[in-house]
């Protein structure tokens, strides 16, 4: 994510996510009221909360405040005002995250002790049974890596000419789907060891509706448009050396939007969590609500740039960024009807750690990011693969083989989502 507080920063371009976090407040509060047994928590117990994929903006603070307020309210409603425990909040993200900016903007009320935990949430981050609440929003859609097959020229899933799986060949989609499944398996397995028995995990994530083609999901359409802009730049710049088609062929976004059905299957295979609730959220800011908004193309361009600038800069260099996203802004504006007509769903999933002994403390894990894969499917960047995703950066409008590769990456590989659980 783009750090700092500049024009293209994540802090200034994450209001879509913030709106959905606010939409989840009631579900989070109800889950705490229903499941958390305050009477079994000792006043001397420090409640430990982790936000996985916190990034650098204010959204993580809003989410943590919502959780802590729900716990305090339950204590007060049960006449335990004097027994409200202390809170410790762990902010986790990749080692490249700008933790300095994050902690310099901590809320001044000091209602909790805070700590940064750098590292991938697809592996262990905390001691056994040390967490009470784990929260993650808009993070699990990011994969741990691009699927190897989509950048392997000899693979059927080589994603040539594309940077995404949505409109790619089946093999590309399968590679992405398998990577997602592998990542989520690791995520769940790590959390199962870190969360106390009876604890909660809350995930907020954009999801594809079961049965809907990847190419008809609005988020996928937006990333496909970005890939088209990159290919246009490469084709126009053949003699200028700014962006080469070969570089585009070897670039894929490590991002996969899982469906609720796919996630449920992975959780069942993991066996450590029960799904207490999974609901569709209803934010106030939608593609439909922005139709009459001036410069909506620029607003979405800034939103996508804040999330992807680091990846694009690392692969293509900084000099292409302004030109690329100016082009992308115009494309979004011109083809906005495609985004509006597509389907977008945002889910809040509440999962409880299956108890194996007395409930001594509670844990909540919250995440809105499992749609991001750990890596792009290898097949979608393999020139010899039927799933080579030439001319596209995503799978939503790609050939069946690309879509299949992304799907496999997300849920067919046994070590993905089950590890997550």
Foldseek 3Di string as FASTA:
>chain_A
DADDDDPLACQVQVVVQLLQLVLCLVVLLVCCLPQPDPVLEFLADEAEEEEEACAAYCSNVVNVVSNLVSQCVSCVVVVNNVSRHAYEYEYEDAPPGPVVNRVVPHDPPPRHHYDYFHDHLLAAGAAFQAHFAAAAAAALQAAQAAAQQCQAQQHQQPAQAAQAQQAFAQQQQQQQQQLLQQSQLQQQQNVLGHHHAFAKAKEKAKADEPPARSLQELVQVLQFLLSLLLSVCQVVCVVPPQHHSLLSLNHYGQGAHHHPVLLVVSCVVLPFKDWPDKDWGDGPDDLVVCPPPPLVLVSVLSNVCNVCVVVCCVRRNDPCNVVSSVVSSVVCNVPVVSSVSGDITMMMIMITGHHPDDCNHHYHRHHHHSSGGSHGHSSCSHSNHNRPSRSTRHNSSHHSSSSSSSSSSNHVNNNHSSSSD
